[in-house]
Amino acid sequence: EGVIEFTHPTSVIANVKALLPLGLPLVVGTTGWNDKHEEIA
């Protein structure tokens, strides 16, 4: 019913893009991707 992602800066963007279409509340604790926030939004 919800997802928590704590992986690695090299994999977080791909994971988030794959998980978002599932429509589940997604919490991402991985850091190091501030420059991608607008893209993910």
PDB file of all heavy atoms in Angstrom:
ATOM      1  N   GLU A   1       0.823  -1.210   0.000  1.00  0.00           N
ATOM      2  CA  GLU A   1       0.000   0.000   0.000  1.00  0.00           C
ATOM      3  C   GLU A   1       0.855   1.257   0.000  1.00  0.00           C
ATOM      4  O   GLU A   1       0.347   2.368  -0.169  1.00  0.00           O
ATOM      5  CB  GLU A   1      -0.909   0.003   1.222  1.00  0.00           C
ATOM      6  CG  GLU A   1      -1.867  -1.164   1.268  1.00  0.00           C
ATOM      7  CD  GLU A   1      -2.548  -1.320   2.609  1.00  0.00           C
ATOM      8  OE1 GLU A   1      -1.841  -1.325   3.648  1.00  0.00           O
ATOM      9  OE2 GLU A   1      -3.787  -1.425   2.621  1.00  0.00           O
ATOM     10  N   GLY A   2       2.151   1.094   0.214  1.00  0.00           N
ATOM     11  CA  GLY A   2       3.098   2.202   0.205  1.00  0.00           C
ATOM     12  C   GLY A   2       4.502   1.673   0.038  1.00  0.00           C
ATOM     13  O   GLY A   2       4.775   0.491   0.289  1.00  0.00           O
ATOM     14  N   VAL A   3       5.407   2.539  -0.414  1.00  0.00           N
ATOM     15  CA  VAL A   3       6.779   2.122  -0.722  1.00  0.00           C
ATOM     16  C   VAL A   3       7.768   3.083  -0.078  1.00  0.00           C
ATOM     17  O   VAL A   3       7.572   4.304  -0.107  1.00  0.00           O
ATOM     18  CB  VAL A   3       7.024   2.114  -2.249  1.00  0.00           C
ATOM     19  CG1 VAL A   3       8.392   1.518  -2.567  1.00  0.00           C
ATOM     20  CG2 VAL A   3       5.920   1.370  -2.982  1.00  0.00           C
ATOM     21  N   ILE A   4       8.828   2.527   0.492  1.00  0.00           N
ATOM     22  CA  ILE A   4       9.949   3.333   0.987  1.00  0.00           C
ATOM     23  C   ILE A   4      11.196   2.915   0.208  1.00  0.00           C
ATOM     24  O   ILE A   4      11.544   1.733   0.183  1.00  0.00           O
ATOM     25  CB  ILE A   4      10.174   3.138   2.492  1.00  0.00           C
ATOM     26  CG1 ILE A   4       8.927   3.552   3.270  1.00  0.00           C
ATOM     27  CG2 ILE A   4      11.385   3.958   2.958  1.00  0.00           C
ATOM     28  CD1 ILE A   4       9.018   3.280   4.768  1.00  0.00           C
ATOM     29  N   GLU A   5      11.843   3.884  -0.432  1.00  0.00           N
ATOM     30  CA  GLU A   5      13.032   3.629  -1.242  1.00  0.00           C
ATOM     31  C   GLU A   5      14.256   4.211  -0.560  1.00  0.00           C
ATOM     32  O   GLU A   5      14.340   5.406  -0.332  1.00  0.00           O
ATOM     33  CB  GLU A   5      12.831   4.268  -2.633  1.00  0.00           C
ATOM     34  CG  GLU A   5      13.705   3.681  -3.733  1.00  0.00           C
ATOM     35  CD  GLU A   5      15.058   4.363  -3.920  1.00  0.00           C
ATOM     36  OE1 GLU A   5      15.435   5.204  -3.083  1.00  0.00           O
ATOM     37  OE2 GLU A   5      15.727   4.065  -4.915  1.00  0.00           O
ATOM     38  N   PHE A   6      15.206   3.350  -0.198  1.00  0.00           N
ATOM     39  CA  PHE A   6      16.494   3.766   0.375  1.00  0.00           C
ATOM     40  C   PHE A   6      17.563   2.959  -0.339  1.00  0.00           C
ATOM     41  O   PHE A   6      17.915   1.858   0.088  1.00  0.00           O
ATOM     42  CB  PHE A   6      16.543   3.482   1.887  1.00  0.00           C
ATOM     43  CG  PHE A   6      16.396   4.701   2.761  1.00  0.00           C
ATOM     44  CD1 PHE A   6      15.172   4.999   3.331  1.00  0.00           C
ATOM     45  CD2 PHE A   6      17.467   5.537   3.025  1.00  0.00           C
ATOM     46  CE1 PHE A   6      15.013   6.113   4.154  1.00  0.00           C
ATOM     47  CE2 PHE A   6      17.328   6.655   3.840  1.00  0.00           C
ATOM     48  CZ  PHE A   6      16.092   6.942   4.407  1.00  0.00           C
ATOM     49  N   THR A   7      18.074   3.482  -1.453  1.00  0.00           N
ATOM     50  CA  THR A   7      19.048   2.712  -2.217  1.00  0.00           C
ATOM     51  C   THR A   7      20.351   3.483  -2.400  1.00  0.00           C
ATOM     52  O   THR A   7      21.114   3.652  -1.454  1.00  0.00           O
ATOM     53  CB  THR A   7      18.457   2.288  -3.577  1.00  0.00           C
ATOM     54  OG1 THR A   7      18.081   3.457  -4.330  1.00  0.00           O
ATOM     55  CG2 THR A   7      17.243   1.384  -3.395  1.00  0.00           C
ATOM     56  N   HIS A   8      20.588   3.981  -3.594  1.00  0.00           N
ATOM     57  CA  HIS A   8      21.876   4.598  -3.943  1.00  0.00           C
ATOM     58  C   HIS A   8      21.614   5.702  -4.967  1.00  0.00           C
ATOM     59  O   HIS A   8      20.709   5.567  -5.807  1.00  0.00           O
ATOM     60  CB  HIS A   8      22.820   3.541  -4.523  1.00  0.00           C
ATOM     61  CG  HIS A   8      24.232   3.998  -4.672  1.00  0.00           C
ATOM     62  ND1 HIS A   8      24.664   4.688  -5.791  1.00  0.00           N
ATOM     63  CD2 HIS A   8      25.306   3.880  -3.849  1.00  0.00           C
ATOM     64  CE1 HIS A   8      25.955   4.960  -5.654  1.00  0.00           C
ATOM     65  NE2 HIS A   8      26.372   4.490  -4.489  1.00  0.00           N
ATOM     66  N   PRO A   9      22.374   6.792  -4.928  1.00  0.00           N
ATOM     67  CA  PRO A   9      22.155   7.877  -5.892  1.00  0.00           C
ATOM     68  C   PRO A   9      22.205   7.439  -7.358  1.00  0.00           C
ATOM     69  O   PRO A   9      21.569   8.058  -8.216  1.00  0.00           O
ATOM     70  CB  PRO A   9      23.291   8.863  -5.583  1.00  0.00           C
ATOM     71  CG  PRO A   9      23.613   8.627  -4.146  1.00  0.00           C
ATOM     72  CD  PRO A   9      23.414   7.156  -3.926  1.00  0.00           C
ATOM     73  N   THR A  10      22.934   6.375  -7.665  1.00  0.00           N
ATOM     74  CA  THR A  10      23.047   5.931  -9.054  1.00  0.00           C
ATOM     75  C   THR A  10      21.798   5.187  -9.540  1.00  0.00           C
ATOM     76  O   THR A  10      21.593   5.035 -10.751  1.00  0.00           O
ATOM     77  CB  THR A  10      24.267   5.013  -9.251  1.00  0.00           C
ATOM     78  OG1 THR A  10      24.144   3.880  -8.367  1.00  0.00           O
ATOM     79  CG2 THR A  10      25.558   5.756  -8.950  1.00  0.00           C
ATOM     80  N   SER A  11      20.961   4.727  -8.626  1.00  0.00           N
ATOM     81  CA  SER A  11      19.783   3.948  -9.018  1.00  0.00           C
ATOM     82  C   SER A  11      18.462   4.608  -8.658  1.00  0.00           C
ATOM     83  O   SER A  11      17.405   4.170  -9.125  1.00  0.00           O
ATOM     84  CB  SER A  11      19.837   2.555  -8.377  1.00  0.00           C
ATOM     85  OG  SER A  11      19.930   2.651  -6.966  1.00  0.00           O
ATOM     86  N   VAL A  12      18.500   5.677  -7.865  1.00  0.00           N
ATOM     87  CA  VAL A  12      17.260   6.237  -7.335  1.00  0.00           C
ATOM     88  C   VAL A  12      16.343   6.781  -8.428  1.00  0.00           C
ATOM     89  O   VAL A  12      15.122   6.565  -8.383  1.00  0.00           O
ATOM     90  CB  VAL A  12      17.549   7.316  -6.263  1.00  0.00           C
ATOM     91  CG1 VAL A  12      18.332   8.494  -6.829  1.00  0.00           C
ATOM     92  CG2 VAL A  12      16.256   7.817  -5.630  1.00  0.00           C
ATOM     93  N   ILE A  13      16.873   7.477  -9.419  1.00  0.00           N
ATOM     94  CA  ILE A  13      16.020   8.089 -10.445  1.00  0.00           C
ATOM     95  C   ILE A  13      15.283   7.017 -11.242  1.00  0.00           C
ATOM     96  O   ILE A  13      14.070   7.120 -11.484  1.00  0.00           O
ATOM     97  CB  ILE A  13      16.839   8.997 -11.385  1.00  0.00           C
ATOM     98  CG1 ILE A  13      17.489  10.136 -10.588  1.00  0.00           C
ATOM     99  CG2 ILE A  13      15.953   9.555 -12.491  1.00  0.00           C
ATOM    100  CD1 ILE A  13      16.503  11.006  -9.832  1.00  0.00           C
ATOM    101  N   ALA A  14      15.986   5.974 -11.660  1.00  0.00           N
ATOM    102  CA  ALA A  14      15.343   4.888 -12.396  1.00  0.00           C
ATOM    103  C   ALA A  14      14.283   4.206 -11.549  1.00  0.00           C
ATOM    104  O   ALA A  14      13.192   3.879 -12.044  1.00  0.00           O
ATOM    105  CB  ALA A  14      16.390   3.881 -12.863  1.00  0.00           C
ATOM    106  N   ASN A  15      14.590   3.997 -10.271  1.00  0.00           N
ATOM    107  CA  ASN A  15      13.616   3.364  -9.377  1.00  0.00           C
ATOM    108  C   ASN A  15      12.357   4.217  -9.237  1.00  0.00           C
ATOM    109  O   ASN A  15      11.234   3.714  -9.322  1.00  0.00           O
ATOM    110  CB  ASN A  15      14.227   3.132  -7.998  1.00  0.00           C
ATOM    111  CG  ASN A  15      15.195   1.972  -7.963  1.00  0.00           C
ATOM    112  OD1 ASN A  15      15.167   1.104  -8.842  1.00  0.00           O
ATOM    113  ND2 ASN A  15      16.051   1.943  -6.965  1.00  0.00           N
ATOM    114  N   VAL A  16      12.557   5.506  -9.010  1.00  0.00           N
ATOM    115  CA  VAL A  16      11.412   6.407  -8.821  1.00  0.00           C
ATOM    116  C   VAL A  16      10.549   6.446 -10.087  1.00  0.00           C
ATOM    117  O   VAL A  16       9.310   6.376 -10.012  1.00  0.00           O
ATOM    118  CB  VAL A  16      11.889   7.823  -8.436  1.00  0.00           C
ATOM    119  CG1 VAL A  16      10.731   8.819  -8.471  1.00  0.00           C
ATOM    120  CG2 VAL A  16      12.519   7.809  -7.050  1.00  0.00           C
ATOM    121  N   LYS A  17      11.185   6.528 -11.244  1.00  0.00           N
ATOM    122  CA  LYS A  17      10.415   6.586 -12.492  1.00  0.00           C
ATOM    123  C   LYS A  17       9.667   5.285 -12.756  1.00  0.00           C
ATOM    124  O   LYS A  17       8.587   5.287 -13.361  1.00  0.00           O
ATOM    125  CB  LYS A  17      11.346   6.916 -13.659  1.00  0.00           C
ATOM    126  CG  LYS A  17      11.792   8.369 -13.679  1.00  0.00           C
ATOM    127  CD  LYS A  17      12.580   8.705 -14.932  1.00  0.00           C
ATOM    128  CE  LYS A  17      12.858  10.205 -15.012  1.00  0.00           C
ATOM    129  NZ  LYS A  17      13.611  10.562 -16.238  1.00  0.00           N
ATOM    130  N   ALA A  18      10.220   4.169 -12.308  1.00  0.00           N
ATOM    131  CA  ALA A  18       9.533   2.891 -12.484  1.00  0.00           C
ATOM    132  C   ALA A  18       8.391   2.716 -11.486  1.00  0.00           C
ATOM    133  O   ALA A  18       7.370   2.102 -11.794  1.00  0.00           O
ATOM    134  CB  ALA A  18      10.533   1.742 -12.334  1.00  0.00           C
ATOM    135  N   LEU A  19       8.544   3.292 -10.286  1.00  0.00           N
ATOM    136  CA  LEU A  19       7.564   3.100  -9.222  1.00  0.00           C
ATOM    137  C   LEU A  19       6.393   4.072  -9.292  1.00  0.00           C
ATOM    138  O   LEU A  19       5.272   3.732  -8.909  1.00  0.00           O
ATOM    139  CB  LEU A  19       8.257   3.227  -7.859  1.00  0.00           C
ATOM    140  CG  LEU A  19       9.222   2.099  -7.496  1.00  0.00           C
ATOM    141  CD1 LEU A  19      10.086   2.492  -6.299  1.00  0.00           C
ATOM    142  CD2 LEU A  19       8.460   0.808  -7.196  1.00  0.00           C
ATOM    143  N   LEU A  20       6.623   5.295  -9.753  1.00  0.00           N
ATOM    144  CA  LEU A  20       5.564   6.302  -9.744  1.00  0.00           C
ATOM    145  C   LEU A  20       4.294   5.884 -10.506  1.00  0.00           C
ATOM    146  O   LEU A  20       3.189   6.155 -10.024  1.00  0.00           O
ATOM    147  CB  LEU A  20       6.098   7.629 -10.306  1.00  0.00           C
ATOM    148  CG  LEU A  20       6.828   8.526  -9.301  1.00  0.00           C
ATOM    149  CD1 LEU A  20       7.470   9.712 -10.016  1.00  0.00           C
ATOM    150  CD2 LEU A  20       5.878   9.012  -8.215  1.00  0.00           C
ATOM    151  N   PRO A  21       4.395   5.224 -11.663  1.00  0.00           N
ATOM    152  CA  PRO A  21       3.170   4.836 -12.362  1.00  0.00           C
ATOM    153  C   PRO A  21       2.296   3.843 -11.590  1.00  0.00           C
ATOM    154  O   PRO A  21       1.122   3.663 -11.935  1.00  0.00           O
ATOM    155  CB  PRO A  21       3.693   4.200 -13.659  1.00  0.00           C
ATOM    156  CG  PRO A  21       5.035   4.832 -13.877  1.00  0.00           C
ATOM    157  CD  PRO A  21       5.591   4.969 -12.498  1.00  0.00           C
ATOM    158  N   LEU A  22       2.831   3.197 -10.549  1.00  0.00           N
ATOM    159  CA  LEU A  22       2.029   2.273  -9.755  1.00  0.00           C
ATOM    160  C   LEU A  22       0.955   3.002  -8.953  1.00  0.00           C
ATOM    161  O   LEU A  22      -0.017   2.387  -8.503  1.00  0.00           O
ATOM    162  CB  LEU A  22       2.918   1.472  -8.798  1.00  0.00           C
ATOM    163  CG  LEU A  22       4.006   0.595  -9.428  1.00  0.00           C
ATOM    164  CD1 LEU A  22       4.795  -0.125  -8.340  1.00  0.00           C
ATOM    165  CD2 LEU A  22       3.401  -0.400 -10.409  1.00  0.00           C
ATOM    166  N   GLY A  23       1.146   4.312  -8.738  1.00  0.00           N
ATOM    167  CA  GLY A  23       0.151   5.103  -8.016  1.00  0.00           C
ATOM    168  C   GLY A  23       0.191   4.952  -6.513  1.00  0.00           C
ATOM    169  O   GLY A  23      -0.702   5.451  -5.821  1.00  0.00           O
ATOM    170  N   LEU A  24       1.195   4.286  -5.974  1.00  0.00           N
ATOM    171  CA  LEU A  24       1.314   4.103  -4.526  1.00  0.00           C
ATOM    172  C   LEU A  24       2.057   5.273  -3.903  1.00  0.00           C
ATOM    173  O   LEU A  24       2.940   5.858  -4.530  1.00  0.00           O
ATOM    174  CB  LEU A  24       2.082   2.808  -4.225  1.00  0.00           C
ATOM    175  CG  LEU A  24       1.469   1.511  -4.737  1.00  0.00           C
ATOM    176  CD1 LEU A  24       2.438   0.354  -4.510  1.00  0.00           C
ATOM    177  CD2 LEU A  24       0.137   1.238  -4.059  1.00  0.00           C
ATOM    178  N   PRO A  25       1.731   5.640  -2.650  1.00  0.00           N
ATOM    179  CA  PRO A  25       2.527   6.666  -1.964  1.00  0.00           C
ATOM    180  C   PRO A  25       3.973   6.180  -1.844  1.00  0.00           C
ATOM    181  O   PRO A  25       4.224   5.094  -1.329  1.00  0.00           O
ATOM    182  CB  PRO A  25       1.845   6.816  -0.607  1.00  0.00           C
ATOM    183  CG  PRO A  25       0.972   5.627  -0.444  1.00  0.00           C
ATOM    184  CD  PRO A  25       0.614   5.156  -1.815  1.00  0.00           C
ATOM    185  N   LEU A  26       4.895   6.997  -2.330  1.00  0.00           N
ATOM    186  CA  LEU A  26       6.304   6.627  -2.405  1.00  0.00           C
ATOM    187  C   LEU A  26       7.134   7.616  -1.594  1.00  0.00           C
ATOM    188  O   LEU A  26       7.072   8.818  -1.837  1.00  0.00           O
ATOM    189  CB  LEU A  26       6.756   6.627  -3.867  1.00  0.00           C
ATOM    190  CG  LEU A  26       8.254   6.512  -4.161  1.00  0.00           C
ATOM    191  CD1 LEU A  26       8.821   5.200  -3.641  1.00  0.00           C
ATOM    192  CD2 LEU A  26       8.505   6.657  -5.669  1.00  0.00           C
ATOM    193  N   VAL A  27       7.890   7.104  -0.648  1.00  0.00           N
ATOM    194  CA  VAL A  27       8.795   7.915   0.159  1.00  0.00           C
ATOM    195  C   VAL A  27      10.223   7.547  -0.216  1.00  0.00           C
ATOM    196  O   VAL A  27      10.596   6.365  -0.188  1.00  0.00           O
ATOM    197  CB  VAL A  27       8.555   7.692   1.665  1.00  0.00           C
ATOM    198  CG1 VAL A  27       9.694   8.283   2.495  1.00  0.00           C
ATOM    199  CG2 VAL A  27       7.222   8.305   2.082  1.00  0.00           C
ATOM    200  N   VAL A  28      11.024   8.553  -0.588  1.00  0.00           N
ATOM    201  CA  VAL A  28      12.395   8.312  -1.043  1.00  0.00           C
ATOM    202  C   VAL A  28      13.374   8.912  -0.034  1.00  0.00           C
ATOM    203  O   VAL A  28      13.407  10.122   0.173  1.00  0.00           O
ATOM    204  CB  VAL A  28      12.623   8.924  -2.440  1.00  0.00           C
ATOM    205  CG1 VAL A  28      14.069   8.705  -2.879  1.00  0.00           C
ATOM    206  CG2 VAL A  28      11.669   8.303  -3.445  1.00  0.00           C
ATOM    207  N   GLY A  29      14.163   8.044   0.573  1.00  0.00           N
ATOM    208  CA  GLY A  29      15.166   8.496   1.534  1.00  0.00           C
ATOM    209  C   GLY A  29      16.545   8.638   0.933  1.00  0.00           C
ATOM    210  O   GLY A  29      17.438   9.217   1.552  1.00  0.00           O
ATOM    211  N   THR A  30      16.748   8.106  -0.271  1.00  0.00           N
ATOM    212  CA  THR A  30      18.037   8.246  -0.948  1.00  0.00           C
ATOM    213  C   THR A  30      18.296   9.720  -1.236  1.00  0.00           C
ATOM    214  O   THR A  30      17.402  10.430  -1.696  1.00  0.00           O
ATOM    215  CB  THR A  30      18.033   7.463  -2.273  1.00  0.00           C
ATOM    216  OG1 THR A  30      17.605   6.124  -2.028  1.00  0.00           O
ATOM    217  CG2 THR A  30      19.409   7.456  -2.906  1.00  0.00           C
ATOM    218  N   THR A  31      19.505  10.176  -0.967  1.00  0.00           N
ATOM    219  CA  THR A  31      19.867  11.564  -1.240  1.00  0.00           C
ATOM    220  C   THR A  31      20.820  11.618  -2.440  1.00  0.00           C
ATOM    221  O   THR A  31      21.150  10.604  -3.036  1.00  0.00           O
ATOM    222  CB  THR A  31      20.517  12.221  -0.018  1.00  0.00           C
ATOM    223  OG1 THR A  31      21.677  11.460   0.377  1.00  0.00           O
ATOM    224  CG2 THR A  31      19.539  12.269   1.152  1.00  0.00           C
ATOM    225  N   GLY A  32      21.234  12.824  -2.801  1.00  0.00           N
ATOM    226  CA  GLY A  32      22.176  12.980  -3.903  1.00  0.00           C
ATOM    227  C   GLY A  32      21.514  13.186  -5.249  1.00  0.00           C
ATOM    228  O   GLY A  32      22.168  13.040  -6.284  1.00  0.00           O
ATOM    229  N   TRP A  33      20.210  13.569  -5.262  1.00  0.00           N
ATOM    230  CA  TRP A  33      19.522  13.797  -6.540  1.00  0.00           C
ATOM    231  C   TRP A  33      18.715  15.098  -6.530  1.00  0.00           C
ATOM    232  O   TRP A  33      17.732  15.238  -7.250  1.00  0.00           O
ATOM    233  CB  TRP A  33      18.632  12.601  -6.898  1.00  0.00           C
ATOM    234  CG  TRP A  33      17.560  12.255  -5.896  1.00  0.00           C
ATOM    235  CD1 TRP A  33      17.720  11.636  -4.706  1.00  0.00           C
ATOM    236  CD2 TRP A  33      16.148  12.504  -6.032  1.00  0.00           C
ATOM    237  NE1 TRP A  33      16.504  11.474  -4.077  1.00  0.00           N
ATOM    238  CE2 TRP A  33      15.527  11.994  -4.868  1.00  0.00           C
ATOM    239  CE3 TRP A  33      15.364  13.090  -7.015  1.00  0.00           C
ATOM    240  CZ2 TRP A  33      14.145  12.072  -4.662  1.00  0.00           C
ATOM    241  CZ3 TRP A  33      13.981  13.160  -6.808  1.00  0.00           C
ATOM    242  CH2 TRP A  33      13.395  12.653  -5.654  1.00  0.00           C
ATOM    243  N   ASN A  34      19.161  16.069  -5.758  1.00  0.00           N
ATOM    244  CA  ASN A  34      18.473  17.362  -5.693  1.00  0.00           C
ATOM    245  C   ASN A  34      18.317  18.008  -7.066  1.00  0.00           C
ATOM    246  O   ASN A  34      17.320  18.683  -7.340  1.00  0.00           O
ATOM    247  CB  ASN A  34      19.234  18.325  -4.766  1.00  0.00           C
ATOM    248  CG  ASN A  34      19.033  17.982  -3.299  1.00  0.00           C
ATOM    249  OD1 ASN A  34      18.487  16.935  -2.973  1.00  0.00           O
ATOM    250  ND2 ASN A  34      19.482  18.851  -2.421  1.00  0.00           N
ATOM    251  N   ASP A  35      19.303  17.806  -7.930  1.00  0.00           N
ATOM    252  CA  ASP A  35      19.262  18.425  -9.256  1.00  0.00           C
ATOM    253  C   ASP A  35      18.214  17.787 -10.165  1.00  0.00           C
ATOM    254  O   ASP A  35      17.946  18.300 -11.260  1.00  0.00           O
ATOM    255  CB  ASP A  35      20.638  18.342  -9.918  1.00  0.00           C
ATOM    256  CG  ASP A  35      21.131  16.907 -10.098  1.00  0.00           C
ATOM    257  OD1 ASP A  35      20.779  16.049  -9.261  1.00  0.00           O
ATOM    258  OD2 ASP A  35      21.867  16.646 -11.065  1.00  0.00           O
ATOM    259  N   LYS A  36      17.592  16.707  -9.723  1.00  0.00           N
ATOM    260  CA  LYS A  36      16.575  16.010 -10.520  1.00  0.00           C
ATOM    261  C   LYS A  36      15.164  16.225  -9.981  1.00  0.00           C
ATOM    262  O   LYS A  36      14.209  15.641 -10.518  1.00  0.00           O
ATOM    263  CB  LYS A  36      16.880  14.505 -10.558  1.00  0.00           C
ATOM    264  CG  LYS A  36      18.222  14.133 -11.166  1.00  0.00           C
ATOM    265  CD  LYS A  36      18.257  14.422 -12.656  1.00  0.00           C
ATOM    266  CE  LYS A  36      19.566  13.923 -13.275  1.00  0.00           C
ATOM    267  NZ  LYS A  36      19.630  14.206 -14.719  1.00  0.00           N
ATOM    268  N   HIS A  37      15.012  17.031  -8.942  1.00  0.00           N
ATOM    269  CA  HIS A  37      13.696  17.204  -8.325  1.00  0.00           C
ATOM    270  C   HIS A  37      12.666  17.750  -9.308  1.00  0.00           C
ATOM    271  O   HIS A  37      11.524  17.271  -9.350  1.00  0.00           O
ATOM    272  CB  HIS A  37      13.806  18.109  -7.101  1.00  0.00           C
ATOM    273  CG  HIS A  37      14.337  17.409  -5.890  1.00  0.00           C
ATOM    274  ND1 HIS A  37      14.341  17.974  -4.630  1.00  0.00           N
ATOM    275  CD2 HIS A  37      14.880  16.177  -5.732  1.00  0.00           C
ATOM    276  CE1 HIS A  37      14.872  17.129  -3.760  1.00  0.00           C
ATOM    277  NE2 HIS A  37      15.213  16.042  -4.409  1.00  0.00           N
ATOM    278  N   GLU A  38      13.046  18.735 -10.103  1.00  0.00           N
ATOM    279  CA  GLU A  38      12.100  19.308 -11.068  1.00  0.00           C
ATOM    280  C   GLU A  38      11.688  18.272 -12.113  1.00  0.00           C
ATOM    281  O   GLU A  38      10.511  18.190 -12.497  1.00  0.00           O
ATOM    282  CB  GLU A  38      12.705  20.539 -11.737  1.00  0.00           C
ATOM    283  CG  GLU A  38      12.831  21.755 -10.821  1.00  0.00           C
ATOM    284  CD  GLU A  38      13.285  22.992 -11.567  1.00  0.00           C
ATOM    285  OE1 GLU A  38      13.337  22.951 -12.814  1.00  0.00           O
ATOM    286  OE2 GLU A  38      13.592  23.994 -10.899  1.00  0.00           O
ATOM    287  N   GLU A  39      12.637  17.488 -12.560  1.00  0.00           N
ATOM    288  CA  GLU A  39      12.351  16.442 -13.543  1.00  0.00           C
ATOM    289  C   GLU A  39      11.378  15.412 -12.970  1.00  0.00           C
ATOM    290  O   GLU A  39      10.417  15.000 -13.650  1.00  0.00           O
ATOM    291  CB  GLU A  39      13.658  15.760 -13.950  1.00  0.00           C
ATOM    292  CG  GLU A  39      13.491  14.600 -14.905  1.00  0.00           C
ATOM    293  CD  GLU A  39      14.814  13.895 -15.192  1.00  0.00           C
ATOM    294  OE1 GLU A  39      15.885  14.540 -15.055  1.00  0.00           O
ATOM    295  OE2 GLU A  39      14.768  12.705 -15.555  1.00  0.00           O
ATOM    296  N   ILE A  40      11.603  14.994 -11.730  1.00  0.00           N
ATOM    297  CA  ILE A  40      10.734  13.999 -11.097  1.00  0.00           C
ATOM    298  C   ILE A  40       9.359  14.587 -10.802  1.00  0.00           C
ATOM    299  O   ILE A  40       8.333  13.901 -10.943  1.00  0.00           O
ATOM    300  CB  ILE A  40      11.386  13.442  -9.820  1.00  0.00           C
ATOM    301  CG1 ILE A  40      12.634  12.621 -10.180  1.00  0.00           C
ATOM    302  CG2 ILE A  40      10.398  12.602  -9.022  1.00  0.00           C
ATOM    303  CD1 ILE A  40      12.361  11.435 -11.099  1.00  0.00           C
ATOM    304  N   ALA A  41       9.313  15.856 -10.404  1.00  0.00           N
ATOM    305  CA  ALA A  41       8.022  16.509 -10.153  1.00  0.00           C
ATOM    306  C   ALA A  41       7.186  16.522 -11.435  1.00  0.00           C
ATOM    307  O   ALA A  41       5.978  16.251 -11.410  1.00  0.00           O
ATOM    308  CB  ALA A  41       8.236  17.923  -9.637  1.00  0.00           C
TER     309      ALA A  41
END
